[in-house]
Amino acid sequence: MLNDLYQEIILDHSKKPRNCKPMACATSMAEGYNPLCGDKIKLFLDYENGVVKDISFQGSGCAISTASASLMTEMLKGKTKEQAEALLWKFHDLLTKEQTAKPAADLGKLAVFSGVREYPARVKCATLAWHTLKAALNGSEEPVSTEEKP
């Protein structure tokens, strides 16, 4: 069953996250925090000549947050800033907009998060790494939070 596959991929990436390590040669770094769930992430980016050469993360978080960060790092190596941002917004739309068709093929394994849309509080868990990526791509030094600042 498709839902079982989705759960299997998320559980696999949360228990054995890929690219979960610090990166000494990072050209950019950003931090993100989801105070509602307690998810914290530090994202490392080796960004050269407009291309994501390498990407990794460290942190602690729920299964959704960790799996999202892990899958994101696998998807983004070799992508340009524009491709990375386009993927970010497609992923965001997958989680926040009603889908009338199958998720876009270019989302690949990220489509497993389509069910998160049914749990609005978990959307922030799934998108934390992506918003932290945006900060890293733009060189923002201010930590990203899933909550509005007062």
C-alpha atoms as a PDB file:
ATOM      1  CA  MET A   1       0.000   0.000   0.000  1.00  0.00           C
ATOM      2  CA  LEU A   2       1.247   3.490  -0.878  1.00  0.00           C
ATOM      3  CA  ASN A   3       0.717   4.904   2.631  1.00  0.00           C
ATOM      4  CA  ASP A   4       2.881   2.129   4.076  1.00  0.00           C
ATOM      5  CA  LEU A   5       5.653   3.008   1.625  1.00  0.00           C
ATOM      6  CA  TYR A   6       5.403   6.666   2.613  1.00  0.00           C
ATOM      7  CA  GLN A   7       5.658   5.806   6.287  1.00  0.00           C
ATOM      8  CA  GLU A   8       8.593   3.495   5.574  1.00  0.00           C
ATOM      9  CA  ILE A   9      10.573   6.224   3.766  1.00  0.00           C
ATOM     10  CA  ILE A  10       9.907   8.801   6.492  1.00  0.00           C
ATOM     11  CA  LEU A  11      10.823   6.347   9.251  1.00  0.00           C
ATOM     12  CA  ASP A  12      13.975   5.250   7.428  1.00  0.00           C
ATOM     13  CA  HIS A  13      15.187   8.840   6.955  1.00  0.00           C
ATOM     14  CA  SER A  14      14.307   9.794  10.526  1.00  0.00           C
ATOM     15  CA  LYS A  15      16.133   6.804  12.042  1.00  0.00           C
ATOM     16  CA  LYS A  16      19.101   6.932   9.627  1.00  0.00           C
ATOM     17  CA  PRO A  17      19.270  10.516   8.355  1.00  0.00           C
ATOM     18  CA  ARG A  18      21.498  11.116   5.361  1.00  0.00           C
ATOM     19  CA  ASN A  19      24.036  13.951   5.324  1.00  0.00           C
ATOM     20  CA  CYS A  20      23.625  14.478   9.067  1.00  0.00           C
ATOM     21  CA  LYS A  21      27.041  15.875   9.976  1.00  0.00           C
ATOM     22  CA  PRO A  22      28.826  19.182  10.362  1.00  0.00           C
ATOM     23  CA  MET A  23      30.649  20.528   7.329  1.00  0.00           C
ATOM     24  CA  ALA A  24      34.005  22.220   7.848  1.00  0.00           C
ATOM     25  CA  CYS A  25      34.123  23.639   4.305  1.00  0.00           C
ATOM     26  CA  ALA A  26      30.643  25.211   4.395  1.00  0.00           C
ATOM     27  CA  THR A  27      30.418  28.508   2.547  1.00  0.00           C
ATOM     28  CA  SER A  28      27.119  29.317   4.244  1.00  0.00           C
ATOM     29  CA  MET A  29      25.307  28.183   7.361  1.00  0.00           C
ATOM     30  CA  ALA A  30      21.897  28.879   8.870  1.00  0.00           C
ATOM     31  CA  GLU A  31      20.019  27.818  11.972  1.00  0.00           C
ATOM     32  CA  GLY A  32      16.322  27.104  12.348  1.00  0.00           C
ATOM     33  CA  TYR A  33      13.992  26.438  15.249  1.00  0.00           C
ATOM     34  CA  ASN A  34      10.408  25.235  15.594  1.00  0.00           C
ATOM     35  CA  PRO A  35       9.402  26.176  19.156  1.00  0.00           C
ATOM     36  CA  LEU A  36       6.069  24.336  18.957  1.00  0.00           C
ATOM     37  CA  CYS A  37       7.697  20.945  18.379  1.00  0.00           C
ATOM     38  CA  GLY A  38      11.200  21.664  19.656  1.00  0.00           C
ATOM     39  CA  ASP A  39      12.879  20.928  16.320  1.00  0.00           C
ATOM     40  CA  LYS A  40      16.298  22.564  15.899  1.00  0.00           C
ATOM     41  CA  ILE A  41      18.492  22.458  12.825  1.00  0.00           C
ATOM     42  CA  LYS A  42      21.817  23.827  11.724  1.00  0.00           C
ATOM     43  CA  LEU A  43      22.214  23.660   7.948  1.00  0.00           C
ATOM     44  CA  PHE A  44      25.610  23.658   6.238  1.00  0.00           C
ATOM     45  CA  LEU A  45      25.909  24.604   2.599  1.00  0.00           C
ATOM     46  CA  ASP A  46      28.886  24.431   0.240  1.00  0.00           C
ATOM     47  CA  TYR A  47      27.617  26.736  -2.468  1.00  0.00           C
ATOM     48  CA  GLU A  48      30.002  27.466  -5.349  1.00  0.00           C
ATOM     49  CA  ASN A  49      29.463  29.160  -8.709  1.00  0.00           C
ATOM     50  CA  GLY A  50      25.714  29.253  -8.130  1.00  0.00           C
ATOM     51  CA  VAL A  51      25.457  25.493  -7.446  1.00  0.00           C
ATOM     52  CA  VAL A  52      24.881  23.504  -4.252  1.00  0.00           C
ATOM     53  CA  LYS A  53      28.081  21.451  -4.241  1.00  0.00           C
ATOM     54  CA  ASP A  54      27.355  19.844  -0.858  1.00  0.00           C
ATOM     55  CA  ILE A  55      24.768  20.175   1.902  1.00  0.00           C
ATOM     56  CA  SER A  56      24.419  18.687   5.369  1.00  0.00           C
ATOM     57  CA  PHE A  57      22.634  19.313   8.641  1.00  0.00           C
ATOM     58  CA  GLN A  58      22.800  18.711  12.358  1.00  0.00           C
ATOM     59  CA  GLY A  59      20.090  19.009  14.915  1.00  0.00           C
ATOM     60  CA  SER A  60      17.360  17.356  16.825  1.00  0.00           C
ATOM     61  CA  GLY A  61      13.759  17.023  15.907  1.00  0.00           C
ATOM     62  CA  CYS A  62      10.734  14.867  15.401  1.00  0.00           C
ATOM     63  CA  ALA A  63      10.598  12.156  12.731  1.00  0.00           C
ATOM     64  CA  ILE A  64       8.955  14.486  10.176  1.00  0.00           C
ATOM     65  CA  SER A  65      11.525  17.251  10.664  1.00  0.00           C
ATOM     66  CA  THR A  66      14.523  14.925  10.513  1.00  0.00           C
ATOM     67  CA  ALA A  67      13.226  12.989   7.499  1.00  0.00           C
ATOM     68  CA  SER A  68      12.447  16.214   5.646  1.00  0.00           C
ATOM     69  CA  ALA A  69      15.966  17.559   6.241  1.00  0.00           C
ATOM     70  CA  SER A  70      17.517  14.240   5.195  1.00  0.00           C
ATOM     71  CA  LEU A  71      15.522  13.961   1.969  1.00  0.00           C
ATOM     72  CA  MET A  72      16.086  17.647   1.207  1.00  0.00           C
ATOM     73  CA  THR A  73      19.867  17.217   1.367  1.00  0.00           C
ATOM     74  CA  GLU A  74      19.700  14.271  -1.023  1.00  0.00           C
ATOM     75  CA  MET A  75      17.559  16.214  -3.496  1.00  0.00           C
ATOM     76  CA  LEU A  76      19.586  19.440  -3.582  1.00  0.00           C
ATOM     77  CA  LYS A  77      23.149  18.394  -4.370  1.00  0.00           C
ATOM     78  CA  GLY A  78      24.085  19.741  -7.777  1.00  0.00           C
ATOM     79  CA  LYS A  79      21.092  22.103  -7.986  1.00  0.00           C
ATOM     80  CA  THR A  80      21.330  25.826  -8.674  1.00  0.00           C
ATOM     81  CA  LYS A  81      19.908  28.385  -6.261  1.00  0.00           C
ATOM     82  CA  GLU A  82      16.938  28.856  -8.603  1.00  0.00           C
ATOM     83  CA  GLN A  83      16.285  25.107  -8.806  1.00  0.00           C
ATOM     84  CA  ALA A  84      16.574  24.782  -5.015  1.00  0.00           C
ATOM     85  CA  GLU A  85      14.125  27.649  -4.428  1.00  0.00           C
ATOM     86  CA  ALA A  86      11.692  26.246  -7.026  1.00  0.00           C
ATOM     87  CA  LEU A  87      11.782  22.881  -5.235  1.00  0.00           C
ATOM     88  CA  LEU A  88      11.222  24.635  -1.907  1.00  0.00           C
ATOM     89  CA  TRP A  89       8.034  26.283  -3.185  1.00  0.00           C
ATOM     90  CA  LYS A  90       6.756  23.081  -4.849  1.00  0.00           C
ATOM     91  CA  PHE A  91       7.323  21.260  -1.553  1.00  0.00           C
ATOM     92  CA  HIS A  92       5.597  24.055   0.363  1.00  0.00           C
ATOM     93  CA  ASP A  93       2.619  23.893  -2.010  1.00  0.00           C
ATOM     94  CA  LEU A  94       2.456  20.103  -1.566  1.00  0.00           C
ATOM     95  CA  LEU A  95       2.058  20.642   2.180  1.00  0.00           C
ATOM     96  CA  THR A  96      -0.245  23.644   2.181  1.00  0.00           C
ATOM     97  CA  LYS A  97      -2.475  23.543  -0.897  1.00  0.00           C
ATOM     98  CA  GLU A  98      -5.217  21.120  -1.828  1.00  0.00           C
ATOM     99  CA  GLN A  99      -3.856  18.800  -4.505  1.00  0.00           C
ATOM    100  CA  THR A 100      -6.069  18.015  -7.478  1.00  0.00           C
ATOM    101  CA  ALA A 101      -3.543  15.718  -9.121  1.00  0.00           C
ATOM    102  CA  LYS A 102      -0.601  13.517  -8.231  1.00  0.00           C
ATOM    103  CA  PRO A 103       2.362  15.420  -6.782  1.00  0.00           C
ATOM    104  CA  ALA A 104       4.809  16.710  -9.384  1.00  0.00           C
ATOM    105  CA  ALA A 105       7.248  14.036 -10.548  1.00  0.00           C
ATOM    106  CA  ASP A 106      10.210  16.323  -9.847  1.00  0.00           C
ATOM    107  CA  LEU A 107       9.395  16.120  -6.131  1.00  0.00           C
ATOM    108  CA  GLY A 108      10.575  12.505  -6.174  1.00  0.00           C
ATOM    109  CA  LYS A 109      10.598  10.946  -2.717  1.00  0.00           C
ATOM    110  CA  LEU A 110       9.481  14.267  -1.197  1.00  0.00           C
ATOM    111  CA  ALA A 111       5.957  13.319  -2.292  1.00  0.00           C
ATOM    112  CA  VAL A 112       5.827  11.081   0.799  1.00  0.00           C
ATOM    113  CA  PHE A 113       5.076  14.215   2.812  1.00  0.00           C
ATOM    114  CA  SER A 114       1.759  14.871   1.035  1.00  0.00           C
ATOM    115  CA  GLY A 115      -0.166  13.443   4.001  1.00  0.00           C
ATOM    116  CA  VAL A 116       1.348  16.064   6.313  1.00  0.00           C
ATOM    117  CA  ARG A 117      -1.105  18.559   4.812  1.00  0.00           C
ATOM    118  CA  GLU A 118      -3.822  16.893   6.922  1.00  0.00           C
ATOM    119  CA  TYR A 119      -1.943  17.857  10.111  1.00  0.00           C
ATOM    120  CA  PRO A 120      -1.337  21.640   9.994  1.00  0.00           C
ATOM    121  CA  ALA A 121       0.887  21.684  13.090  1.00  0.00           C
ATOM    122  CA  ARG A 122       3.236  19.191  11.395  1.00  0.00           C
ATOM    123  CA  VAL A 123       3.640  21.352   8.282  1.00  0.00           C
ATOM    124  CA  LYS A 124       6.076  23.509  10.278  1.00  0.00           C
ATOM    125  CA  CYS A 125       8.072  20.397  11.163  1.00  0.00           C
ATOM    126  CA  ALA A 126       8.347  19.401   7.499  1.00  0.00           C
ATOM    127  CA  THR A 127       9.223  22.883   6.219  1.00  0.00           C
ATOM    128  CA  LEU A 128      11.730  23.964   8.889  1.00  0.00           C
ATOM    129  CA  ALA A 129      14.771  22.622   7.002  1.00  0.00           C
ATOM    130  CA  TRP A 130      13.549  24.231   3.787  1.00  0.00           C
ATOM    131  CA  HIS A 131      13.107  27.677   5.293  1.00  0.00           C
ATOM    132  CA  THR A 132      16.524  27.301   6.895  1.00  0.00           C
ATOM    133  CA  LEU A 133      17.876  26.444   3.437  1.00  0.00           C
ATOM    134  CA  LYS A 134      16.420  29.662   2.059  1.00  0.00           C
ATOM    135  CA  ALA A 135      18.224  31.627   4.780  1.00  0.00           C
ATOM    136  CA  ALA A 136      21.506  29.833   3.984  1.00  0.00           C
ATOM    137  CA  LEU A 137      21.146  30.485   0.244  1.00  0.00           C
ATOM    138  CA  ASN A 138      20.504  34.166   0.917  1.00  0.00           C
ATOM    139  CA  GLY A 139      23.318  34.522   3.459  1.00  0.00           C
ATOM    140  CA  SER A 140      20.964  35.463   6.297  1.00  0.00           C
ATOM    141  CA  GLU A 141      22.628  35.252   9.698  1.00  0.00           C
ATOM    142  CA  GLU A 142      19.431  35.583  11.715  1.00  0.00           C
ATOM    143  CA  PRO A 143      18.056  32.245  12.963  1.00  0.00           C
ATOM    144  CA  VAL A 144      14.879  31.063  11.247  1.00  0.00           C
ATOM    145  CA  SER A 145      11.804  30.397  13.383  1.00  0.00           C
ATOM    146  CA  THR A 146       8.546  28.791  12.380  1.00  0.00           C
ATOM    147  CA  GLU A 147       6.720  31.286  14.594  1.00  0.00           C
ATOM    148  CA  GLU A 148       6.108  34.949  13.915  1.00  0.00           C
ATOM    149  CA  LYS A 149       8.150  37.321  16.006  1.00  0.00           C
ATOM    150  CA  PRO A 150       6.189  39.551  18.403  1.00  0.00           C
END
